[in-house]
Amino acid sequence: MLGGRRVSLVGRVSMDLITFDVTGVPERFARAGERIELIGATHTLDDLAAEAGTIGYEILTALGRRYHREYVG
């Protein structure tokens, strides 16, 4: 999610680099330095796992130390 809109993954994940199609996202959100929500209130861990054909536990254990995390609650 970016700027309240769902954005699509483009191509393949390469190491820890991924590309998203931000066409249609307002320019104030689609700029360098903005964060895309992969796991959160609007796109849950289970949503991401289902899209990847796996389970949430596998997603969480695969995240490396370089990813930004915000723990809520």
N, C-alpha and C. Protein backbone atom coordinates (compact mmCIF):
# COMPACT_ATOMS: atom_id res chain seq x y z
N MET A 1 0.86 -1.18 0.00
CA MET A 1 0.00 0.00 0.00
C MET A 1 0.90 1.24 0.00
N LEU A 2 0.51 2.20 -0.83
CA LEU A 2 1.22 3.47 -0.89
C LEU A 2 0.18 4.57 -1.08
N GLY A 3 0.15 5.50 -0.16
CA GLY A 3 -0.82 6.59 -0.26
C GLY A 3 -2.26 6.10 -0.24
N GLY A 4 -2.50 5.00 0.47
CA GLY A 4 -3.84 4.45 0.56
C GLY A 4 -4.28 3.64 -0.65
N ARG A 5 -3.36 3.40 -1.56
CA ARG A 5 -3.67 2.62 -2.77
C ARG A 5 -2.80 1.37 -2.83
N ARG A 6 -3.40 0.33 -3.34
CA ARG A 6 -2.67 -0.92 -3.53
C ARG A 6 -1.77 -0.78 -4.75
N VAL A 7 -0.50 -1.12 -4.60
CA VAL A 7 0.45 -1.08 -5.71
C VAL A 7 0.93 -2.49 -6.00
N SER A 8 1.24 -2.75 -7.26
CA SER A 8 1.61 -4.09 -7.68
C SER A 8 3.12 -4.26 -7.76
N LEU A 9 3.57 -5.44 -7.39
CA LEU A 9 4.96 -5.82 -7.55
C LEU A 9 5.25 -5.98 -9.04
N VAL A 10 6.38 -5.45 -9.50
CA VAL A 10 6.77 -5.54 -10.90
C VAL A 10 8.02 -6.43 -10.98
N GLY A 11 7.96 -7.44 -11.80
CA GLY A 11 9.12 -8.31 -11.98
C GLY A 11 9.34 -9.24 -10.81
N ARG A 12 10.60 -9.51 -10.53
CA ARG A 12 10.97 -10.47 -9.50
C ARG A 12 11.70 -9.79 -8.36
N VAL A 13 11.67 -10.41 -7.20
CA VAL A 13 12.45 -9.93 -6.06
C VAL A 13 13.90 -10.32 -6.31
N SER A 14 14.81 -9.36 -6.19
CA SER A 14 16.23 -9.60 -6.42
C SER A 14 16.99 -9.23 -5.15
N MET A 15 17.48 -10.25 -4.46
CA MET A 15 18.15 -10.07 -3.17
C MET A 15 17.17 -9.35 -2.24
N ASP A 16 17.45 -8.11 -1.86
CA ASP A 16 16.51 -7.36 -1.02
C ASP A 16 15.99 -6.13 -1.76
N LEU A 17 15.95 -6.19 -3.09
CA LEU A 17 15.47 -5.09 -3.91
C LEU A 17 14.21 -5.52 -4.65
N ILE A 18 13.16 -4.71 -4.54
CA ILE A 18 11.92 -4.99 -5.25
C ILE A 18 11.42 -3.70 -5.90
N THR A 19 10.62 -3.85 -6.95
CA THR A 19 10.09 -2.71 -7.69
C THR A 19 8.57 -2.79 -7.70
N PHE A 20 7.93 -1.65 -7.48
CA PHE A 20 6.48 -1.57 -7.49
C PHE A 20 6.02 -0.58 -8.55
N ASP A 21 4.87 -0.86 -9.14
CA ASP A 21 4.25 0.04 -10.11
C ASP A 21 3.42 1.06 -9.34
N VAL A 22 3.85 2.32 -9.36
CA VAL A 22 3.15 3.37 -8.62
C VAL A 22 2.30 4.24 -9.54
N THR A 23 2.04 3.76 -10.75
CA THR A 23 1.17 4.48 -11.67
C THR A 23 -0.19 4.70 -11.01
N GLY A 24 -0.66 5.90 -11.04
CA GLY A 24 -1.97 6.20 -10.46
C GLY A 24 -1.92 6.63 -9.01
N VAL A 25 -0.76 6.54 -8.38
CA VAL A 25 -0.61 7.01 -7.00
C VAL A 25 -0.28 8.50 -7.05
N PRO A 26 -0.95 9.34 -6.26
CA PRO A 26 -0.66 10.77 -6.28
C PRO A 26 0.84 11.04 -6.08
N GLU A 27 1.36 12.02 -6.80
CA GLU A 27 2.79 12.31 -6.79
C GLU A 27 3.33 12.60 -5.39
N ARG A 28 2.53 13.16 -4.52
CA ARG A 28 3.01 13.47 -3.17
C ARG A 28 3.36 12.21 -2.38
N PHE A 29 2.80 11.07 -2.78
CA PHE A 29 3.12 9.80 -2.14
C PHE A 29 4.18 9.02 -2.92
N ALA A 30 4.15 9.13 -4.24
CA ALA A 30 5.04 8.34 -5.11
C ALA A 30 6.32 9.10 -5.39
N ARG A 31 7.13 9.26 -4.38
CA ARG A 31 8.41 9.96 -4.54
C ARG A 31 9.49 9.26 -3.72
N ALA A 32 10.70 9.56 -4.05
CA ALA A 32 11.84 8.93 -3.37
C ALA A 32 11.75 9.14 -1.86
N GLY A 33 11.99 8.09 -1.11
CA GLY A 33 11.98 8.16 0.34
C GLY A 33 10.67 7.78 1.00
N GLU A 34 9.60 7.70 0.23
CA GLU A 34 8.31 7.30 0.81
C GLU A 34 8.34 5.80 1.10
N ARG A 35 7.58 5.38 2.07
CA ARG A 35 7.54 3.97 2.45
C ARG A 35 6.30 3.29 1.88
N ILE A 36 6.50 2.07 1.43
CA ILE A 36 5.40 1.23 0.99
C ILE A 36 5.11 0.25 2.11
N GLU A 37 3.86 0.10 2.44
CA GLU A 37 3.46 -0.83 3.51
C GLU A 37 3.31 -2.23 2.93
N LEU A 38 4.17 -3.15 3.36
CA LEU A 38 4.05 -4.54 2.95
C LEU A 38 3.22 -5.34 3.94
N ILE A 39 3.40 -5.04 5.21
CA ILE A 39 2.66 -5.71 6.28
C ILE A 39 2.16 -4.63 7.22
N GLY A 40 0.86 -4.59 7.45
CA GLY A 40 0.32 -3.58 8.34
C GLY A 40 -1.19 -3.71 8.46
N ALA A 41 -1.81 -2.62 8.85
CA ALA A 41 -3.26 -2.63 9.10
C ALA A 41 -4.07 -2.91 7.84
N THR A 42 -3.62 -2.39 6.70
CA THR A 42 -4.38 -2.57 5.47
C THR A 42 -3.92 -3.75 4.62
N HIS A 43 -2.78 -4.31 4.95
CA HIS A 43 -2.25 -5.48 4.24
C HIS A 43 -1.57 -6.36 5.28
N THR A 44 -2.30 -7.34 5.78
CA THR A 44 -1.83 -8.12 6.92
C THR A 44 -0.76 -9.14 6.53
N LEU A 45 -0.12 -9.67 7.54
CA LEU A 45 0.87 -10.72 7.33
C LEU A 45 0.25 -11.91 6.61
N ASP A 46 -0.95 -12.26 6.99
CA ASP A 46 -1.64 -13.38 6.33
C ASP A 46 -1.98 -13.07 4.88
N ASP A 47 -2.31 -11.81 4.57
CA ASP A 47 -2.54 -11.41 3.17
C ASP A 47 -1.27 -11.63 2.35
N LEU A 48 -0.15 -11.14 2.87
CA LEU A 48 1.12 -11.27 2.15
C LEU A 48 1.51 -12.73 1.99
N ALA A 49 1.33 -13.53 3.04
CA ALA A 49 1.67 -14.95 2.97
C ALA A 49 0.81 -15.67 1.92
N ALA A 50 -0.47 -15.37 1.90
CA ALA A 50 -1.35 -16.01 0.91
C ALA A 50 -0.93 -15.65 -0.51
N GLU A 51 -0.57 -14.39 -0.73
CA GLU A 51 -0.12 -13.96 -2.05
C GLU A 51 1.19 -14.64 -2.46
N ALA A 52 2.02 -14.96 -1.46
CA ALA A 52 3.31 -15.61 -1.73
C ALA A 52 3.19 -17.14 -1.73
N GLY A 53 2.00 -17.66 -1.41
CA GLY A 53 1.81 -19.10 -1.39
C GLY A 53 2.50 -19.78 -0.22
N THR A 54 2.50 -19.11 0.93
CA THR A 54 3.16 -19.67 2.11
C THR A 54 2.37 -19.30 3.36
N ILE A 55 3.02 -19.34 4.52
CA ILE A 55 2.39 -18.97 5.78
C ILE A 55 3.12 -17.78 6.39
N GLY A 56 2.44 -17.08 7.29
CA GLY A 56 3.00 -15.89 7.92
C GLY A 56 4.32 -16.12 8.62
N TYR A 57 4.45 -17.25 9.30
CA TYR A 57 5.69 -17.57 10.02
C TYR A 57 6.88 -17.56 9.07
N GLU A 58 6.72 -18.14 7.90
CA GLU A 58 7.82 -18.18 6.93
C GLU A 58 8.20 -16.77 6.47
N ILE A 59 7.21 -15.92 6.27
CA ILE A 59 7.48 -14.53 5.88
C ILE A 59 8.30 -13.83 6.95
N LEU A 60 7.86 -13.94 8.20
CA LEU A 60 8.55 -13.24 9.30
C LEU A 60 9.97 -13.75 9.50
N THR A 61 10.18 -15.05 9.43
CA THR A 61 11.52 -15.57 9.65
C THR A 61 12.45 -15.30 8.49
N ALA A 62 11.92 -14.96 7.32
CA ALA A 62 12.75 -14.66 6.16
C ALA A 62 13.20 -13.20 6.11
N LEU A 63 12.59 -12.35 6.92
CA LEU A 63 12.97 -10.94 6.91
C LEU A 63 14.36 -10.77 7.52
N GLY A 64 15.23 -10.07 6.83
CA GLY A 64 16.58 -9.83 7.32
C GLY A 64 16.65 -8.65 8.26
N ARG A 65 17.84 -8.37 8.74
CA ARG A 65 18.06 -7.27 9.68
C ARG A 65 17.97 -5.90 9.02
N ARG A 66 18.08 -5.83 7.72
CA ARG A 66 18.11 -4.55 7.03
C ARG A 66 16.73 -3.93 6.84
N TYR A 67 15.67 -4.65 7.12
CA TYR A 67 14.31 -4.12 6.93
C TYR A 67 13.92 -3.24 8.10
N HIS A 68 13.26 -2.13 7.78
CA HIS A 68 12.75 -1.23 8.82
C HIS A 68 11.53 -1.86 9.46
N ARG A 69 11.48 -1.83 10.77
CA ARG A 69 10.34 -2.40 11.49
C ARG A 69 9.76 -1.36 12.43
N GLU A 70 8.46 -1.36 12.53
CA GLU A 70 7.76 -0.54 13.52
C GLU A 70 6.81 -1.46 14.24
N TYR A 71 7.02 -1.62 15.54
CA TYR A 71 6.16 -2.50 16.34
C TYR A 71 5.05 -1.66 16.95
N VAL A 72 3.83 -2.10 16.76
CA VAL A 72 2.66 -1.35 17.23
C VAL A 72 1.88 -2.22 18.19
N GLY A 73 1.50 -1.65 19.33
CA GLY A 73 0.63 -2.36 20.27
C GLY A 73 1.28 -3.15 21.31
